[in-house]
Amino acid sequence: MAKLPLGTTRRTGETCPESGIWESQSTPSTTIPLSKGETFPPYNRVAVTWKLIQYA
């Protein structure tokens, strides 16, 4: 199965579609490792958009 392209985005509460390093699109930002099937967490107690920046 083909990998999703880097730059793919998902929101807090959605299921992770691709294992890798995801970066929050917020200020300040952070990065998290997330595995396929896990749920995207909030950041600083706020729902954010996460962007895939590196494959696992």
PDB file of N, CA and C in Angstrom:
ATOM      1  N   MET A   1       0.838  -1.183   0.000  1.00  0.00           N
ATOM      2  CA  MET A   1       0.000   0.000   0.000  1.00  0.00           C
ATOM      3  C   MET A   1       0.883   1.247   0.000  1.00  0.00           C
ATOM      4  N   ALA A   2       0.530   2.237  -0.796  1.00  0.00           N
ATOM      5  CA  ALA A   2       1.320   3.459  -0.909  1.00  0.00           C
ATOM      6  C   ALA A   2       1.186   4.302   0.354  1.00  0.00           C
ATOM      7  N   LYS A   3       2.270   4.984   0.685  1.00  0.00           N
ATOM      8  CA  LYS A   3       2.247   5.871   1.840  1.00  0.00           C
ATOM      9  C   LYS A   3       1.541   7.166   1.473  1.00  0.00           C
ATOM     10  N   LEU A   4       0.933   7.772   2.485  1.00  0.00           N
ATOM     11  CA  LEU A   4       0.351   9.090   2.279  1.00  0.00           C
ATOM     12  C   LEU A   4       1.481  10.088   2.057  1.00  0.00           C
ATOM     13  N   PRO A   5       1.263  11.125   1.273  1.00  0.00           N
ATOM     14  CA  PRO A   5       2.333  12.090   1.026  1.00  0.00           C
ATOM     15  C   PRO A   5       2.672  12.903   2.272  1.00  0.00           C
ATOM     16  N   LEU A   6       3.944  13.268   2.404  1.00  0.00           N
ATOM     17  CA  LEU A   6       4.334  14.193   3.456  1.00  0.00           C
ATOM     18  C   LEU A   6       3.524  15.467   3.247  1.00  0.00           C
ATOM     19  N   GLY A   7       3.132  16.106   4.338  1.00  0.00           N
ATOM     20  CA  GLY A   7       2.290  17.288   4.241  1.00  0.00           C
ATOM     21  C   GLY A   7       0.814  16.990   4.462  1.00  0.00           C
ATOM     22  N   THR A   8       0.457  15.692   4.525  1.00  0.00           N
ATOM     23  CA  THR A   8      -0.916  15.297   4.831  1.00  0.00           C
ATOM     24  C   THR A   8      -1.298  15.864   6.197  1.00  0.00           C
ATOM     25  N   THR A   9      -2.518  16.352   6.339  1.00  0.00           N
ATOM     26  CA  THR A   9      -2.956  16.919   7.620  1.00  0.00           C
ATOM     27  C   THR A   9      -4.176  16.187   8.157  1.00  0.00           C
ATOM     28  N   ARG A  10      -4.278  16.200   9.476  1.00  0.00           N
ATOM     29  CA  ARG A  10      -5.430  15.657  10.197  1.00  0.00           C
ATOM     30  C   ARG A  10      -5.655  16.517  11.429  1.00  0.00           C
ATOM     31  N   ARG A  11      -6.862  16.429  12.006  1.00  0.00           N
ATOM     32  CA  ARG A  11      -7.221  17.225  13.174  1.00  0.00           C
ATOM     33  C   ARG A  11      -7.221  16.387  14.453  1.00  0.00           C
ATOM     34  N   THR A  12      -7.086  17.070  15.579  1.00  0.00           N
ATOM     35  CA  THR A  12      -7.229  16.442  16.894  1.00  0.00           C
ATOM     36  C   THR A  12      -8.519  15.630  16.926  1.00  0.00           C
ATOM     37  N   GLY A  13      -8.420  14.404  17.441  1.00  0.00           N
ATOM     38  CA  GLY A  13      -9.579  13.523  17.561  1.00  0.00           C
ATOM     39  C   GLY A  13      -9.719  12.552  16.403  1.00  0.00           C
ATOM     40  N   GLU A  14      -9.042  12.820  15.271  1.00  0.00           N
ATOM     41  CA  GLU A  14      -9.105  11.909  14.135  1.00  0.00           C
ATOM     42  C   GLU A  14      -8.108  10.775  14.332  1.00  0.00           C
ATOM     43  N   THR A  15      -8.270   9.712  13.562  1.00  0.00           N
ATOM     44  CA  THR A  15      -7.384   8.555  13.621  1.00  0.00           C
ATOM     45  C   THR A  15      -6.191   8.770  12.700  1.00  0.00           C
ATOM     46  N   CYS A  16      -5.009   8.446  13.211  1.00  0.00           N
ATOM     47  CA  CYS A  16      -3.769   8.602  12.442  1.00  0.00           C
ATOM     48  C   CYS A  16      -3.753   7.626  11.260  1.00  0.00           C
ATOM     49  N   PRO A  17      -3.580   8.141  10.026  1.00  0.00           N
ATOM     50  CA  PRO A  17      -3.596   7.282   8.854  1.00  0.00           C
ATOM     51  C   PRO A  17      -2.227   6.745   8.450  1.00  0.00           C
ATOM     52  N   GLU A  18      -1.147   7.280   9.046  1.00  0.00           N
ATOM     53  CA  GLU A  18       0.214   6.913   8.646  1.00  0.00           C
ATOM     54  C   GLU A  18       1.160   7.104   9.823  1.00  0.00           C
ATOM     55  N   SER A  19       1.932   6.074  10.170  1.00  0.00           N
ATOM     56  CA  SER A  19       2.902   6.188  11.262  1.00  0.00           C
ATOM     57  C   SER A  19       4.015   7.149  10.863  1.00  0.00           C
ATOM     58  N   GLY A  20       4.382   8.013  11.805  1.00  0.00           N
ATOM     59  CA  GLY A  20       5.470   8.947  11.516  1.00  0.00           C
ATOM     60  C   GLY A  20       5.544  10.053  12.539  1.00  0.00           C
ATOM     61  N   ILE A  21       6.245  11.108  12.150  1.00  0.00           N
ATOM     62  CA  ILE A  21       6.382  12.297  12.982  1.00  0.00           C
ATOM     63  C   ILE A  21       5.395  13.329  12.451  1.00  0.00           C
ATOM     64  N   TRP A  22       4.575  13.828  13.342  1.00  0.00           N
ATOM     65  CA  TRP A  22       3.541  14.802  12.999  1.00  0.00           C
ATOM     66  C   TRP A  22       3.826  16.102  13.734  1.00  0.00           C
ATOM     67  N   GLU A  23       3.634  17.221  13.055  1.00  0.00           N
ATOM     68  CA  GLU A  23       3.906  18.550  13.626  1.00  0.00           C
ATOM     69  C   GLU A  23       2.600  19.315  13.776  1.00  0.00           C
ATOM     70  N   SER A  24       2.425  19.928  14.941  1.00  0.00           N
ATOM     71  CA  SER A  24       1.219  20.729  15.148  1.00  0.00           C
ATOM     72  C   SER A  24       1.339  22.018  14.352  1.00  0.00           C
ATOM     73  N   GLN A  25       0.240  22.419  13.754  1.00  0.00           N
ATOM     74  CA  GLN A  25       0.201  23.660  12.985  1.00  0.00           C
ATOM     75  C   GLN A  25      -0.376  24.743  13.888  1.00  0.00           C
ATOM     76  N   SER A  26       0.429  25.103  14.887  1.00  0.00           N
ATOM     77  CA  SER A  26       0.014  26.067  15.894  1.00  0.00           C
ATOM     78  C   SER A  26       1.234  26.855  16.338  1.00  0.00           C
ATOM     79  N   THR A  27       0.999  27.893  17.132  1.00  0.00           N
ATOM     80  CA  THR A  27       2.101  28.684  17.669  1.00  0.00           C
ATOM     81  C   THR A  27       1.975  28.677  19.176  1.00  0.00           C
ATOM     82  N   PRO A  28       2.959  28.159  19.919  1.00  0.00           N
ATOM     83  CA  PRO A  28       4.131  27.450  19.395  1.00  0.00           C
ATOM     84  C   PRO A  28       3.739  26.079  18.856  1.00  0.00           C
ATOM     85  N   SER A  29       4.624  25.511  18.059  1.00  0.00           N
ATOM     86  CA  SER A  29       4.350  24.182  17.508  1.00  0.00           C
ATOM     87  C   SER A  29       5.169  23.130  18.248  1.00  0.00           C
ATOM     88  N   THR A  30       4.809  21.883  18.021  1.00  0.00           N
ATOM     89  CA  THR A  30       5.547  20.763  18.593  1.00  0.00           C
ATOM     90  C   THR A  30       5.466  19.602  17.619  1.00  0.00           C
ATOM     91  N   THR A  31       6.271  18.584  17.854  1.00  0.00           N
ATOM     92  CA  THR A  31       6.204  17.376  17.048  1.00  0.00           C
ATOM     93  C   THR A  31       5.946  16.185  17.955  1.00  0.00           C
ATOM     94  N   ILE A  32       5.255  15.173  17.395  1.00  0.00           N
ATOM     95  CA  ILE A  32       4.984  13.951  18.144  1.00  0.00           C
ATOM     96  C   ILE A  32       5.142  12.753  17.219  1.00  0.00           C
ATOM     97  N   PRO A  33       5.628  11.629  17.762  1.00  0.00           N
ATOM     98  CA  PRO A  33       5.589  10.390  16.988  1.00  0.00           C
ATOM     99  C   PRO A  33       4.208   9.772  17.193  1.00  0.00           C
ATOM    100  N   LEU A  34       3.572   9.340  16.114  1.00  0.00           N
ATOM    101  CA  LEU A  34       2.253   8.741  16.225  1.00  0.00           C
ATOM    102  C   LEU A  34       2.187   7.540  15.305  1.00  0.00           C
ATOM    103  N   SER A  35       1.587   6.465  15.785  1.00  0.00           N
ATOM    104  CA  SER A  35       1.448   5.241  15.000  1.00  0.00           C
ATOM    105  C   SER A  35       0.081   5.196  14.328  1.00  0.00           C
ATOM    106  N   LYS A  36       0.043   4.544  13.184  1.00  0.00           N
ATOM    107  CA  LYS A  36      -1.205   4.379  12.452  1.00  0.00           C
ATOM    108  C   LYS A  36      -2.246   3.762  13.382  1.00  0.00           C
ATOM    109  N   GLY A  37      -3.438   4.343  13.415  1.00  0.00           N
ATOM    110  CA  GLY A  37      -4.516   3.841  14.250  1.00  0.00           C
ATOM    111  C   GLY A  37      -4.689   4.585  15.566  1.00  0.00           C
ATOM    112  N   GLU A  38      -3.658   5.322  15.998  1.00  0.00           N
ATOM    113  CA  GLU A  38      -3.784   6.113  17.228  1.00  0.00           C
ATOM    114  C   GLU A  38      -4.631   7.357  16.947  1.00  0.00           C
ATOM    115  N   THR A  39      -5.094   7.985  18.009  1.00  0.00           N
ATOM    116  CA  THR A  39      -5.910   9.192  17.885  1.00  0.00           C
ATOM    117  C   THR A  39      -5.032  10.422  18.096  1.00  0.00           C
ATOM    118  N   PHE A  40      -5.215  11.422  17.223  1.00  0.00           N
ATOM    119  CA  PHE A  40      -4.450  12.659  17.366  1.00  0.00           C
ATOM    120  C   PHE A  40      -4.870  13.387  18.637  1.00  0.00           C
ATOM    121  N   PRO A  41      -3.896  13.780  19.452  1.00  0.00           N
ATOM    122  CA  PRO A  41      -4.201  14.453  20.716  1.00  0.00           C
ATOM    123  C   PRO A  41      -4.358  15.966  20.529  1.00  0.00           C
ATOM    124  N   PRO A  42      -4.925  16.622  21.536  1.00  0.00           N
ATOM    125  CA  PRO A  42      -4.883  18.086  21.533  1.00  0.00           C
ATOM    126  C   PRO A  42      -3.467  18.538  21.880  1.00  0.00           C
ATOM    127  N   TYR A  43      -3.174  19.794  21.652  1.00  0.00           N
ATOM    128  CA  TYR A  43      -1.885  20.371  22.050  1.00  0.00           C
ATOM    129  C   TYR A  43      -2.186  21.611  22.879  1.00  0.00           C
ATOM    130  N   ASN A  44      -1.595  21.698  24.053  1.00  0.00           N
ATOM    131  CA  ASN A  44      -1.889  22.777  25.002  1.00  0.00           C
ATOM    132  C   ASN A  44      -3.395  22.854  25.279  1.00  0.00           C
ATOM    133  N   ARG A  45      -4.017  21.676  25.373  1.00  0.00           N
ATOM    134  CA  ARG A  45      -5.443  21.544  25.675  1.00  0.00           C
ATOM    135  C   ARG A  45      -6.348  22.162  24.607  1.00  0.00           C
ATOM    136  N   VAL A  46      -5.831  22.317  23.379  1.00  0.00           N
ATOM    137  CA  VAL A  46      -6.597  22.901  22.277  1.00  0.00           C
ATOM    138  C   VAL A  46      -6.551  21.949  21.088  1.00  0.00           C
ATOM    139  N   ALA A  47      -7.666  21.830  20.360  1.00  0.00           N
ATOM    140  CA  ALA A  47      -7.686  21.037  19.126  1.00  0.00           C
ATOM    141  C   ALA A  47      -6.853  21.756  18.065  1.00  0.00           C
ATOM    142  N   VAL A  48      -5.974  21.000  17.407  1.00  0.00           N
ATOM    143  CA  VAL A  48      -5.090  21.582  16.394  1.00  0.00           C
ATOM    144  C   VAL A  48      -5.077  20.699  15.145  1.00  0.00           C
ATOM    145  N   THR A  49      -4.485  21.221  14.106  1.00  0.00           N
ATOM    146  CA  THR A  49      -4.222  20.453  12.898  1.00  0.00           C
ATOM    147  C   THR A  49      -2.812  19.900  13.007  1.00  0.00           C
ATOM    148  N   TRP A  50      -2.643  18.620  12.634  1.00  0.00           N
ATOM    149  CA  TRP A  50      -1.336  17.957  12.648  1.00  0.00           C
ATOM    150  C   TRP A  50      -0.913  17.676  11.212  1.00  0.00           C
ATOM    151  N   LYS A  51       0.379  17.880  10.898  1.00  0.00           N
ATOM    152  CA  LYS A  51       0.903  17.662   9.556  1.00  0.00           C
ATOM    153  C   LYS A  51       2.003  16.605   9.586  1.00  0.00           C
ATOM    154  N   LEU A  52       1.920  15.639   8.692  1.00  0.00           N
ATOM    155  CA  LEU A  52       2.937  14.585   8.576  1.00  0.00           C
ATOM    156  C   LEU A  52       4.209  15.182   7.985  1.00  0.00           C
ATOM    157  N   ILE A  53       5.318  15.100   8.740  1.00  0.00           N
ATOM    158  CA  ILE A  53       6.572  15.690   8.258  1.00  0.00           C
ATOM    159  C   ILE A  53       7.677  14.641   8.035  1.00  0.00           C
ATOM    160  N   GLN A  54       7.491  13.429   8.579  1.00  0.00           N
ATOM    161  CA  GLN A  54       8.511  12.384   8.428  1.00  0.00           C
ATOM    162  C   GLN A  54       7.868  11.017   8.608  1.00  0.00           C
ATOM    163  N   TYR A  55       8.267  10.063   7.786  1.00  0.00           N
ATOM    164  CA  TYR A  55       7.755   8.705   7.929  1.00  0.00           C
ATOM    165  C   TYR A  55       8.472   7.989   9.068  1.00  0.00           C
ATOM    166  N   ALA A  56       7.787   7.030   9.695  1.00  0.00           N
ATOM    167  CA  ALA A  56       8.374   6.249  10.787  1.00  0.00           C
ATOM    168  C   ALA A  56       9.336   5.219  10.228  1.00  0.00           C
TER     169      ALA A  56
END
